[in-house]
Structure formats: C-alpha cells, structure tokens
Amino acid sequence: MQKTDIKKIAVVGPESTGKSTMSAYLAEHYHTVWVPEFARDYCAALTDPPTWQDEINMFYGQIALEEEYLPKANSLLICDTTFITVKIWSDYTFGRSPQEVLDELPKHPYDLYLLLSIDLPWEEDPLRDFPHMREHFMSVWHKELLELNASYVVISGTGPERYDNAVKVVDGFLKR
C-alpha cells in the first residue's frame, strides 16, 4: 500500500479533551498505529516556557513523527493532534505563527478531523495551562479548521459514549 492510500484522521481540540486517550482507543479499534503528540514530550523536557524556536522545533518534530509512523499504518493513520497546534499556541503566545507553519498547513491535509469537545471535566497536568480558556480555544479550533476548509466533526460525550460517537463518525467516513 502506498502512503497516499492511507487515510489520515487527526484527533484535535483544546487541552484536556482526551485526545491521546481517544487516539489510542481508535488505533486499537481499527488495528492500526497512532502518531503521538510530539510537543508533549518536548515540553516536558523544557525548564522554561516554550520559545519561538521551540515552537518551530515542535512543528518539525510533529511532521517527522507522522512520517515515521505512516509506513506502520494499515489503511488508516490516527494522529494525536497536528502541527496546527503550533499555529494556535504561537498565535496566542507570540501574536503570530512561524512562516514555515503557515506555508505547510495547506500542504498537510488530513482526510478527517475529530474535534474533541470540552464537555469532559478538566484534568490537571503540569503541561496544561488554560483551564479557564477552554471555550476560547474551542472557538479557535473551529476557526482554524474552517479556514483550512477541513472536513471535521465535533465529538462529544463522556465515557464509552464519547468513544462510540467517534467510531460512528469514522465508520461513516470509511464507508464513503
């Protein structure tokens, strides 16, 4: 199977919406692999807040991880976030995004985005910063996906319902 035959599904959304858990679940359900979020381990190793260069490093790191996992996927690759996150955080933190991110966004499409809703309770994590801004970042995600003319569906619900909702959307997508 060629890389172009593989459908890519991005699991995205604000902090503490269960992206990594959902990605792992979907990968197991569809017997494939999932690309972890590069920024999580990268930021965990930082001793200071991320800099402009760190954002650029995370952009390239996410792309490299995806390229590494793509040959391991069956017909479906699940991506725990995408480098759109670099754009969102850079815009928020620095008031602008790295040009390489802006240039590459339209060149790295995903076949389907699952935008996870903020209906889950906030879970504390040393790498999460904005429990009071979940609505704001949910709006930003909608805006970014619309600007990309991306095919996306909001996934809501708690517990097994959330996973069932995601599987129904992915199954519908795969049947098209």
C-alpha atoms as a PDB file:
ATOM      1  CA  MET A   1       0.000   0.000   0.000  1.00  0.00           C
ATOM      2  CA  GLN A   2       1.351   3.403  -0.931  1.00  0.00           C
ATOM      3  CA  LYS A   3       1.457   6.246   1.559  1.00  0.00           C
ATOM      4  CA  THR A   4      -1.166   8.100  -0.481  1.00  0.00           C
ATOM      5  CA  ASP A   5      -3.647   5.218   0.015  1.00  0.00           C
ATOM      6  CA  ILE A   6      -3.637   5.686   3.771  1.00  0.00           C
ATOM      7  CA  LYS A   7      -6.446   7.802   5.212  1.00  0.00           C
ATOM      8  CA  LYS A   8      -5.292  10.188   7.928  1.00  0.00           C
ATOM      9  CA  ILE A   9      -7.555  11.062  10.834  1.00  0.00           C
ATOM     10  CA  ALA A  10      -6.494  13.871  13.154  1.00  0.00           C
ATOM     11  CA  VAL A  11      -7.778  13.941  16.723  1.00  0.00           C
ATOM     12  CA  VAL A  12      -7.641  17.585  17.774  1.00  0.00           C
ATOM     13  CA  GLY A  13      -9.022  20.046  20.305  1.00  0.00           C
ATOM     14  CA  PRO A  14      -8.262  22.173  23.330  1.00  0.00           C
ATOM     15  CA  GLU A  15      -6.347  20.959  26.354  1.00  0.00           C
ATOM     16  CA  SER A  16      -7.818  18.159  28.465  1.00  0.00           C
ATOM     17  CA  THR A  17     -10.302  16.830  25.936  1.00  0.00           C
ATOM     18  CA  GLY A  18      -8.911  13.299  25.797  1.00  0.00           C
ATOM     19  CA  LYS A  19      -7.017  13.452  22.504  1.00  0.00           C
ATOM     20  CA  SER A  20      -4.300  10.952  23.421  1.00  0.00           C
ATOM     21  CA  THR A  21      -6.746   8.531  25.015  1.00  0.00           C
ATOM     22  CA  MET A  22      -9.076   8.775  22.012  1.00  0.00           C
ATOM     23  CA  SER A  23      -6.181   8.302  19.583  1.00  0.00           C
ATOM     24  CA  ALA A  24      -5.023   5.155  21.378  1.00  0.00           C
ATOM     25  CA  TYR A  25      -8.581   3.829  21.502  1.00  0.00           C
ATOM     26  CA  LEU A  26      -9.199   4.423  17.788  1.00  0.00           C
ATOM     27  CA  ALA A  27      -5.859   2.897  16.800  1.00  0.00           C
ATOM     28  CA  GLU A  28      -6.675  -0.248  18.765  1.00  0.00           C
ATOM     29  CA  HIS A  29     -10.236  -0.354  17.422  1.00  0.00           C
ATOM     30  CA  TYR A  30      -9.061  -0.076  13.803  1.00  0.00           C
ATOM     31  CA  HIS A  31      -5.943  -2.251  14.282  1.00  0.00           C
ATOM     32  CA  THR A  32      -3.519   0.463  13.251  1.00  0.00           C
ATOM     33  CA  VAL A  33      -0.991   2.826  14.799  1.00  0.00           C
ATOM     34  CA  TRP A  34      -1.367   6.330  16.150  1.00  0.00           C
ATOM     35  CA  VAL A  35       1.075   9.198  15.985  1.00  0.00           C
ATOM     36  CA  PRO A  36       1.699  10.652  19.454  1.00  0.00           C
ATOM     37  CA  GLU A  37       1.825  14.365  20.130  1.00  0.00           C
ATOM     38  CA  PHE A  38       5.468  15.383  19.733  1.00  0.00           C
ATOM     39  CA  ALA A  39       5.031  18.558  21.802  1.00  0.00           C
ATOM     40  CA  ARG A  40       4.075  16.649  24.968  1.00  0.00           C
ATOM     41  CA  ASP A  41       7.468  15.010  25.471  1.00  0.00           C
ATOM     42  CA  TYR A  42       9.286  18.027  24.065  1.00  0.00           C
ATOM     43  CA  CYS A  43       7.632  20.427  26.526  1.00  0.00           C
ATOM     44  CA  ALA A  44       8.051  18.001  29.419  1.00  0.00           C
ATOM     45  CA  ALA A  45      11.817  18.272  28.909  1.00  0.00           C
ATOM     46  CA  LEU A  46      11.833  22.096  28.923  1.00  0.00           C
ATOM     47  CA  THR A  47      12.833  24.012  32.032  1.00  0.00           C
ATOM     48  CA  ASP A  48      11.377  27.327  30.802  1.00  0.00           C
ATOM     49  CA  PRO A  49       8.256  28.218  28.819  1.00  0.00           C
ATOM     50  CA  PRO A  50       8.484  27.335  25.109  1.00  0.00           C
ATOM     51  CA  THR A  51      10.259  29.889  22.947  1.00  0.00           C
ATOM     52  CA  TRP A  52       9.663  30.807  19.324  1.00  0.00           C
ATOM     53  CA  GLN A  53      12.390  28.321  18.338  1.00  0.00           C
ATOM     54  CA  ASP A  54      10.753  25.635  20.473  1.00  0.00           C
ATOM     55  CA  GLU A  55       7.515  26.121  18.520  1.00  0.00           C
ATOM     56  CA  ILE A  56       9.421  25.661  15.255  1.00  0.00           C
ATOM     57  CA  ASN A  57      11.130  22.570  16.676  1.00  0.00           C
ATOM     58  CA  MET A  58       7.746  21.137  17.677  1.00  0.00           C
ATOM     59  CA  PHE A  59       6.413  21.784  14.174  1.00  0.00           C
ATOM     60  CA  TYR A  60       9.253  19.834  12.566  1.00  0.00           C
ATOM     61  CA  GLY A  61       9.086  17.154  15.258  1.00  0.00           C
ATOM     62  CA  GLN A  62       5.376  16.518  14.655  1.00  0.00           C
ATOM     63  CA  ILE A  63       5.916  16.203  10.904  1.00  0.00           C
ATOM     64  CA  ALA A  64       8.835  13.810  11.428  1.00  0.00           C
ATOM     65  CA  LEU A  65       6.819  11.624  13.814  1.00  0.00           C
ATOM     66  CA  GLU A  66       3.976  11.397  11.337  1.00  0.00           C
ATOM     67  CA  GLU A  67       6.374  10.406   8.562  1.00  0.00           C
ATOM     68  CA  GLU A  68       7.896   7.780  10.873  1.00  0.00           C
ATOM     69  CA  TYR A  69       4.516   6.210  11.715  1.00  0.00           C
ATOM     70  CA  LEU A  70       2.913   6.396   8.274  1.00  0.00           C
ATOM     71  CA  PRO A  71       4.594   3.237   6.877  1.00  0.00           C
ATOM     72  CA  LYS A  72       3.483   1.318  10.003  1.00  0.00           C
ATOM     73  CA  ALA A  73      -0.201   2.103   9.470  1.00  0.00           C
ATOM     74  CA  ASN A  74      -2.705  -0.179   7.814  1.00  0.00           C
ATOM     75  CA  SER A  75      -5.174   1.775   5.658  1.00  0.00           C
ATOM     76  CA  LEU A  76      -5.734   4.300   8.452  1.00  0.00           C
ATOM     77  CA  LEU A  77      -3.356   6.538  10.427  1.00  0.00           C
ATOM     78  CA  ILE A  78      -4.615   8.145  13.625  1.00  0.00           C
ATOM     79  CA  CYS A  79      -2.839  11.377  14.577  1.00  0.00           C
ATOM     80  CA  ASP A  80      -2.938  12.675  18.146  1.00  0.00           C
ATOM     81  CA  THR A  81      -3.142  16.346  17.204  1.00  0.00           C
ATOM     82  CA  THR A  82      -1.354  18.008  14.290  1.00  0.00           C
ATOM     83  CA  PHE A  83       1.028  20.896  13.909  1.00  0.00           C
ATOM     84  CA  ILE A  84      -1.990  23.233  13.742  1.00  0.00           C
ATOM     85  CA  THR A  85      -1.445  23.258  17.496  1.00  0.00           C
ATOM     86  CA  VAL A  86       1.861  25.077  16.895  1.00  0.00           C
ATOM     87  CA  LYS A  87      -0.033  27.762  14.988  1.00  0.00           C
ATOM     88  CA  ILE A  88      -2.668  28.101  17.699  1.00  0.00           C
ATOM     89  CA  TRP A  89      -0.133  28.356  20.539  1.00  0.00           C
ATOM     90  CA  SER A  90       2.190  30.644  18.596  1.00  0.00           C
ATOM     91  CA  ASP A  91      -0.675  32.973  17.692  1.00  0.00           C
ATOM     92  CA  TYR A  92      -1.766  33.060  21.329  1.00  0.00           C
ATOM     93  CA  THR A  93       1.692  33.356  22.884  1.00  0.00           C
ATOM     94  CA  PHE A  94       3.598  35.431  20.327  1.00  0.00           C
ATOM     95  CA  GLY A  95       0.791  37.079  18.353  1.00  0.00           C
ATOM     96  CA  ARG A  96       1.872  35.345  15.148  1.00  0.00           C
ATOM     97  CA  SER A  97       2.924  31.983  13.735  1.00  0.00           C
ATOM     98  CA  PRO A  98       6.175  30.776  12.206  1.00  0.00           C
ATOM     99  CA  GLN A  99       6.069  31.260   8.438  1.00  0.00           C
ATOM    100  CA  GLU A 100       7.070  27.649   7.784  1.00  0.00           C
ATOM    101  CA  VAL A 101       3.983  26.519   9.705  1.00  0.00           C
ATOM    102  CA  LEU A 102       1.720  28.824   7.701  1.00  0.00           C
ATOM    103  CA  ASP A 103       3.309  27.661   4.446  1.00  0.00           C
ATOM    104  CA  GLU A 104       2.951  23.975   5.271  1.00  0.00           C
ATOM    105  CA  LEU A 105      -0.589  23.940   6.709  1.00  0.00           C
ATOM    106  CA  PRO A 106      -2.352  23.626   3.342  1.00  0.00           C
ATOM    107  CA  LYS A 107       0.200  21.054   2.162  1.00  0.00           C
ATOM    108  CA  HIS A 108      -0.531  18.590   5.006  1.00  0.00           C
ATOM    109  CA  PRO A 109      -4.235  17.809   4.787  1.00  0.00           C
ATOM    110  CA  TYR A 110      -5.971  15.187   6.857  1.00  0.00           C
ATOM    111  CA  ASP A 111      -8.905  13.266   5.488  1.00  0.00           C
ATOM    112  CA  LEU A 112     -10.962  13.810   8.625  1.00  0.00           C
ATOM    113  CA  TYR A 113     -10.556  15.805  11.820  1.00  0.00           C
ATOM    114  CA  LEU A 114     -12.242  14.746  15.035  1.00  0.00           C
ATOM    115  CA  LEU A 115     -12.556  17.915  17.115  1.00  0.00           C
ATOM    116  CA  LEU A 116     -13.000  16.761  20.704  1.00  0.00           C
ATOM    117  CA  SER A 117     -15.470  18.793  22.698  1.00  0.00           C
ATOM    118  CA  ILE A 118     -14.697  20.463  26.014  1.00  0.00           C
ATOM    119  CA  ASP A 119     -17.524  18.563  27.740  1.00  0.00           C
ATOM    120  CA  LEU A 120     -15.051  16.433  29.713  1.00  0.00           C
ATOM    121  CA  PRO A 121     -14.010  17.685  33.155  1.00  0.00           C
ATOM    122  CA  TRP A 122     -10.651  19.450  33.285  1.00  0.00           C
ATOM    123  CA  GLU A 123      -7.803  17.208  34.447  1.00  0.00           C
ATOM    124  CA  GLU A 124      -4.750  18.834  35.974  1.00  0.00           C
ATOM    125  CA  ASP A 125      -1.477  18.148  34.224  1.00  0.00           C
ATOM    126  CA  PRO A 126       1.828  20.040  34.540  1.00  0.00           C
ATOM    127  CA  LEU A 127       1.762  20.669  30.765  1.00  0.00           C
ATOM    128  CA  ARG A 128      -1.725  22.200  30.731  1.00  0.00           C
ATOM    129  CA  ASP A 129      -2.093  25.909  31.266  1.00  0.00           C
ATOM    130  CA  PHE A 130      -5.549  27.244  30.484  1.00  0.00           C
ATOM    131  CA  PRO A 131      -8.471  25.613  32.333  1.00  0.00           C
ATOM    132  CA  HIS A 132     -10.335  28.930  32.209  1.00  0.00           C
ATOM    133  CA  MET A 133      -9.909  29.338  28.426  1.00  0.00           C
ATOM    134  CA  ARG A 134     -11.396  26.115  27.074  1.00  0.00           C
ATOM    135  CA  GLU A 135     -14.286  27.869  25.319  1.00  0.00           C
ATOM    136  CA  HIS A 136     -11.874  30.325  23.733  1.00  0.00           C
ATOM    137  CA  PHE A 137      -9.615  27.601  22.367  1.00  0.00           C
ATOM    138  CA  MET A 138     -12.595  25.545  21.183  1.00  0.00           C
ATOM    139  CA  SER A 139     -13.636  28.580  19.116  1.00  0.00           C
ATOM    140  CA  VAL A 140     -10.095  28.927  17.805  1.00  0.00           C
ATOM    141  CA  TRP A 141     -10.084  25.289  16.704  1.00  0.00           C
ATOM    142  CA  HIS A 142     -13.354  25.787  14.817  1.00  0.00           C
ATOM    143  CA  LYS A 143     -11.912  28.884  13.134  1.00  0.00           C
ATOM    144  CA  GLU A 144      -8.655  27.175  12.136  1.00  0.00           C
ATOM    145  CA  LEU A 145     -10.399  24.124  10.709  1.00  0.00           C
ATOM    146  CA  LEU A 146     -12.868  26.265   8.784  1.00  0.00           C
ATOM    147  CA  GLU A 147     -10.013  28.338   7.336  1.00  0.00           C
ATOM    148  CA  LEU A 148      -8.425  25.119   6.076  1.00  0.00           C
ATOM    149  CA  ASN A 149     -11.764  24.036   4.631  1.00  0.00           C
ATOM    150  CA  ALA A 150     -11.195  20.864   6.650  1.00  0.00           C
ATOM    151  CA  SER A 151     -13.686  18.047   6.954  1.00  0.00           C
ATOM    152  CA  TYR A 152     -14.329  17.844  10.683  1.00  0.00           C
ATOM    153  CA  VAL A 153     -16.869  16.607  13.203  1.00  0.00           C
ATOM    154  CA  VAL A 154     -17.173  17.598  16.860  1.00  0.00           C
ATOM    155  CA  ILE A 155     -17.064  14.563  19.131  1.00  0.00           C
ATOM    156  CA  SER A 156     -18.797  14.932  22.480  1.00  0.00           C
ATOM    157  CA  GLY A 157     -19.991  12.674  25.257  1.00  0.00           C
ATOM    158  CA  THR A 158     -18.338  11.103  28.248  1.00  0.00           C
ATOM    159  CA  GLY A 159     -17.090   7.625  28.937  1.00  0.00           C
ATOM    160  CA  PRO A 160     -17.953   4.925  26.396  1.00  0.00           C
ATOM    161  CA  GLU A 161     -20.419   7.272  24.670  1.00  0.00           C
ATOM    162  CA  ARG A 162     -17.546   9.511  23.534  1.00  0.00           C
ATOM    163  CA  TYR A 163     -15.666   6.579  22.009  1.00  0.00           C
ATOM    164  CA  ASP A 164     -18.841   5.219  20.377  1.00  0.00           C
ATOM    165  CA  ASN A 165     -19.540   8.642  18.864  1.00  0.00           C
ATOM    166  CA  ALA A 166     -16.041   8.800  17.399  1.00  0.00           C
ATOM    167  CA  VAL A 167     -16.255   5.267  15.974  1.00  0.00           C
ATOM    168  CA  LYS A 168     -19.608   6.049  14.353  1.00  0.00           C
ATOM    169  CA  VAL A 169     -18.128   9.105  12.664  1.00  0.00           C
ATOM    170  CA  VAL A 170     -15.014   7.237  11.486  1.00  0.00           C
ATOM    171  CA  ASP A 171     -17.081   4.268  10.267  1.00  0.00           C
ATOM    172  CA  GLY A 172     -19.313   6.654   8.300  1.00  0.00           C
ATOM    173  CA  PHE A 173     -16.251   8.321   6.827  1.00  0.00           C
ATOM    174  CA  LEU A 174     -14.708   4.980   5.811  1.00  0.00           C
ATOM    175  CA  LYS A 175     -17.929   3.889   4.081  1.00  0.00           C
ATOM    176  CA  ARG A 176     -17.926   6.941   1.791  1.00  0.00           C
END
